[in-house]
Amino acid sequence: MEGIEEKILEAVKELERWQNRKVKVQERLEKDDADVSELDRINEQISHYESLLQDMKKKISSTDVSRTLFRSSNQ
């Protein structure tokens, strides 16, 4: 089960990275310093990682999910 936990943690980190990027691009859009297509691509990536995480979570038990989420919040 350790392998899937590591993959979930990687996916969580990547999702957080895209979410942070979205905030920055939204700020740039407010200043007319970014393209809306960039935001669209970021939203696609966020959706992808959210779906991926849902699929991964289905593969492990609820106890394992709780432990993994706890680990991700401590990193």
N, C-alpha and C. Protein backbone atom coordinates (compact mmCIF):
# COMPACT_ATOMS: atom_id res chain seq x y z
N MET A 1 0.83 -1.20 0.00
CA MET A 1 0.00 0.00 0.00
C MET A 1 0.87 1.26 0.00
N GLU A 2 2.12 1.11 0.36
CA GLU A 2 3.01 2.27 0.44
C GLU A 2 3.15 2.96 -0.91
N GLY A 3 3.18 2.20 -2.00
CA GLY A 3 3.34 2.79 -3.32
C GLY A 3 2.20 3.71 -3.70
N ILE A 4 0.98 3.30 -3.43
CA ILE A 4 -0.18 4.14 -3.78
C ILE A 4 -0.21 5.39 -2.91
N GLU A 5 0.23 5.26 -1.67
CA GLU A 5 0.27 6.44 -0.79
C GLU A 5 1.24 7.48 -1.32
N GLU A 6 2.40 7.03 -1.77
CA GLU A 6 3.38 7.95 -2.33
C GLU A 6 2.84 8.64 -3.58
N LYS A 7 2.13 7.89 -4.41
CA LYS A 7 1.54 8.46 -5.62
C LYS A 7 0.46 9.47 -5.28
N ILE A 8 -0.32 9.19 -4.24
CA ILE A 8 -1.35 10.13 -3.80
C ILE A 8 -0.69 11.42 -3.31
N LEU A 9 0.37 11.28 -2.52
CA LEU A 9 1.07 12.46 -2.02
C LEU A 9 1.64 13.29 -3.17
N GLU A 10 2.18 12.63 -4.18
CA GLU A 10 2.70 13.34 -5.35
C GLU A 10 1.57 14.08 -6.06
N ALA A 11 0.42 13.42 -6.21
CA ALA A 11 -0.71 14.04 -6.89
C ALA A 11 -1.24 15.23 -6.09
N VAL A 12 -1.26 15.11 -4.76
CA VAL A 12 -1.71 16.22 -3.91
C VAL A 12 -0.78 17.41 -4.09
N LYS A 13 0.53 17.15 -4.09
CA LYS A 13 1.50 18.24 -4.28
C LYS A 13 1.32 18.90 -5.63
N GLU A 14 1.10 18.11 -6.65
CA GLU A 14 0.92 18.66 -7.99
C GLU A 14 -0.38 19.47 -8.08
N LEU A 15 -1.44 18.97 -7.46
CA LEU A 15 -2.70 19.71 -7.43
C LEU A 15 -2.52 21.05 -6.73
N GLU A 16 -1.82 21.05 -5.61
CA GLU A 16 -1.57 22.29 -4.89
C GLU A 16 -0.75 23.26 -5.73
N ARG A 17 0.21 22.72 -6.48
CA ARG A 17 1.03 23.56 -7.34
C ARG A 17 0.17 24.24 -8.41
N TRP A 18 -0.74 23.49 -9.01
CA TRP A 18 -1.61 24.07 -10.03
C TRP A 18 -2.59 25.07 -9.42
N GLN A 19 -3.09 24.78 -8.23
CA GLN A 19 -4.00 25.72 -7.57
C GLN A 19 -3.29 27.03 -7.24
N ASN A 20 -2.05 26.94 -6.79
CA ASN A 20 -1.28 28.16 -6.51
C ASN A 20 -1.02 28.94 -7.80
N ARG A 21 -0.73 28.21 -8.85
CA ARG A 21 -0.49 28.88 -10.13
C ARG A 21 -1.76 29.59 -10.62
N LYS A 22 -2.91 28.96 -10.37
CA LYS A 22 -4.18 29.56 -10.78
C LYS A 22 -4.38 30.92 -10.10
N VAL A 23 -4.07 30.99 -8.81
CA VAL A 23 -4.21 32.25 -8.08
C VAL A 23 -3.33 33.33 -8.71
N LYS A 24 -2.09 32.96 -9.02
CA LYS A 24 -1.17 33.93 -9.62
C LYS A 24 -1.64 34.40 -10.99
N VAL A 25 -2.15 33.47 -11.79
CA VAL A 25 -2.64 33.84 -13.12
C VAL A 25 -3.88 34.70 -13.00
N GLN A 26 -4.76 34.40 -12.06
CA GLN A 26 -5.95 35.23 -11.86
C GLN A 26 -5.55 36.66 -11.48
N GLU A 27 -4.53 36.79 -10.65
CA GLU A 27 -4.05 38.12 -10.30
C GLU A 27 -3.50 38.84 -11.53
N ARG A 28 -2.78 38.12 -12.35
CA ARG A 28 -2.24 38.72 -13.58
C ARG A 28 -3.36 39.07 -14.56
N LEU A 29 -4.41 38.26 -14.59
CA LEU A 29 -5.54 38.56 -15.47
C LEU A 29 -6.23 39.86 -15.07
N GLU A 30 -6.32 40.09 -13.78
CA GLU A 30 -6.93 41.32 -13.29
C GLU A 30 -6.14 42.55 -13.77
N LYS A 31 -4.86 42.36 -13.99
CA LYS A 31 -4.00 43.45 -14.46
C LYS A 31 -3.84 43.42 -15.99
N ASP A 32 -4.61 42.57 -16.65
CA ASP A 32 -4.50 42.37 -18.11
C ASP A 32 -3.09 41.96 -18.52
N ASP A 33 -2.47 41.14 -17.68
CA ASP A 33 -1.10 40.70 -17.94
C ASP A 33 -1.02 39.19 -18.18
N ALA A 34 -2.16 38.58 -18.51
CA ALA A 34 -2.18 37.14 -18.77
C ALA A 34 -3.28 36.85 -19.78
N ASP A 35 -3.22 35.65 -20.33
CA ASP A 35 -4.19 35.22 -21.32
C ASP A 35 -5.18 34.26 -20.68
N VAL A 36 -6.44 34.39 -21.03
CA VAL A 36 -7.48 33.53 -20.47
C VAL A 36 -7.22 32.06 -20.80
N SER A 37 -6.60 31.80 -21.94
CA SER A 37 -6.31 30.42 -22.33
C SER A 37 -5.37 29.74 -21.33
N GLU A 38 -4.50 30.52 -20.72
CA GLU A 38 -3.61 29.97 -19.70
C GLU A 38 -4.42 29.49 -18.49
N LEU A 39 -5.40 30.28 -18.11
CA LEU A 39 -6.27 29.90 -17.00
C LEU A 39 -7.08 28.65 -17.36
N ASP A 40 -7.53 28.57 -18.60
CA ASP A 40 -8.28 27.39 -19.04
C ASP A 40 -7.42 26.13 -18.92
N ARG A 41 -6.17 26.23 -19.33
CA ARG A 41 -5.26 25.08 -19.27
C ARG A 41 -5.01 24.69 -17.81
N ILE A 42 -4.86 25.66 -16.94
CA ILE A 42 -4.65 25.39 -15.52
C ILE A 42 -5.88 24.70 -14.94
N ASN A 43 -7.06 25.17 -15.29
CA ASN A 43 -8.29 24.54 -14.80
C ASN A 43 -8.40 23.09 -15.27
N GLU A 44 -7.95 22.82 -16.50
CA GLU A 44 -7.94 21.44 -17.00
C GLU A 44 -7.01 20.57 -16.16
N GLN A 45 -5.85 21.10 -15.82
CA GLN A 45 -4.90 20.35 -15.00
C GLN A 45 -5.45 20.10 -13.60
N ILE A 46 -6.09 21.10 -13.03
CA ILE A 46 -6.70 20.94 -11.71
C ILE A 46 -7.76 19.85 -11.75
N SER A 47 -8.61 19.88 -12.76
CA SER A 47 -9.65 18.84 -12.90
C SER A 47 -9.02 17.46 -13.05
N HIS A 48 -7.95 17.40 -13.84
CA HIS A 48 -7.26 16.12 -14.05
C HIS A 48 -6.75 15.55 -12.72
N TYR A 49 -6.06 16.38 -11.94
CA TYR A 49 -5.51 15.88 -10.69
C TYR A 49 -6.59 15.58 -9.65
N GLU A 50 -7.67 16.33 -9.66
CA GLU A 50 -8.78 16.01 -8.75
C GLU A 50 -9.39 14.66 -9.10
N SER A 51 -9.57 14.40 -10.38
CA SER A 51 -10.11 13.10 -10.82
C SER A 51 -9.13 11.97 -10.51
N LEU A 52 -7.87 12.23 -10.77
CA LEU A 52 -6.84 11.23 -10.49
C LEU A 52 -6.83 10.87 -9.02
N LEU A 53 -6.91 11.87 -8.15
CA LEU A 53 -6.93 11.61 -6.71
C LEU A 53 -8.17 10.81 -6.30
N GLN A 54 -9.30 11.13 -6.89
CA GLN A 54 -10.52 10.37 -6.57
C GLN A 54 -10.35 8.90 -6.95
N ASP A 55 -9.78 8.65 -8.12
CA ASP A 55 -9.55 7.27 -8.56
C ASP A 55 -8.58 6.56 -7.63
N MET A 56 -7.54 7.25 -7.23
CA MET A 56 -6.53 6.64 -6.35
C MET A 56 -7.13 6.33 -4.98
N LYS A 57 -7.94 7.24 -4.48
CA LYS A 57 -8.55 7.04 -3.15
C LYS A 57 -9.47 5.82 -3.14
N LYS A 58 -10.11 5.54 -4.26
CA LYS A 58 -11.00 4.39 -4.35
C LYS A 58 -10.22 3.08 -4.20
N LYS A 59 -8.94 3.11 -4.51
CA LYS A 59 -8.12 1.90 -4.49
C LYS A 59 -7.63 1.53 -3.10
N ILE A 60 -7.73 2.44 -2.14
CA ILE A 60 -7.25 2.13 -0.80
C ILE A 60 -8.37 2.30 0.21
N SER A 61 -8.20 1.71 1.36
CA SER A 61 -9.25 1.77 2.38
C SER A 61 -9.37 3.16 2.98
N SER A 62 -10.47 3.43 3.65
CA SER A 62 -10.70 4.75 4.25
C SER A 62 -9.66 5.07 5.32
N THR A 63 -9.19 4.07 6.05
CA THR A 63 -8.15 4.29 7.05
C THR A 63 -6.87 4.74 6.38
N ASP A 64 -6.53 4.09 5.28
CA ASP A 64 -5.33 4.46 4.55
C ASP A 64 -5.44 5.86 3.97
N VAL A 65 -6.62 6.24 3.50
CA VAL A 65 -6.84 7.59 2.95
C VAL A 65 -6.62 8.62 4.05
N SER A 66 -7.19 8.38 5.22
CA SER A 66 -7.05 9.32 6.33
C SER A 66 -5.58 9.48 6.72
N ARG A 67 -4.86 8.37 6.80
CA ARG A 67 -3.45 8.42 7.17
C ARG A 67 -2.64 9.17 6.11
N THR A 68 -2.95 8.93 4.84
CA THR A 68 -2.23 9.59 3.75
C THR A 68 -2.51 11.09 3.75
N LEU A 69 -3.77 11.47 3.93
CA LEU A 69 -4.11 12.89 3.96
C LEU A 69 -3.45 13.58 5.14
N PHE A 70 -3.37 12.89 6.27
CA PHE A 70 -2.68 13.45 7.44
C PHE A 70 -1.21 13.66 7.11
N ARG A 71 -0.60 12.70 6.43
CA ARG A 71 0.82 12.84 6.05
C ARG A 71 1.01 14.02 5.11
N SER A 72 0.09 14.22 4.19
CA SER A 72 0.25 15.31 3.21
C SER A 72 0.13 16.68 3.89
N SER A 73 -0.66 16.77 4.94
CA SER A 73 -0.81 18.06 5.63
C SER A 73 0.39 18.37 6.52
N ASN A 74 1.19 17.38 6.80
CA ASN A 74 2.37 17.57 7.66
C ASN A 74 3.63 17.82 6.86
N GLN A 75 3.55 17.86 5.57
CA GLN A 75 4.76 18.05 4.75
C GLN A 75 4.95 19.49 4.36
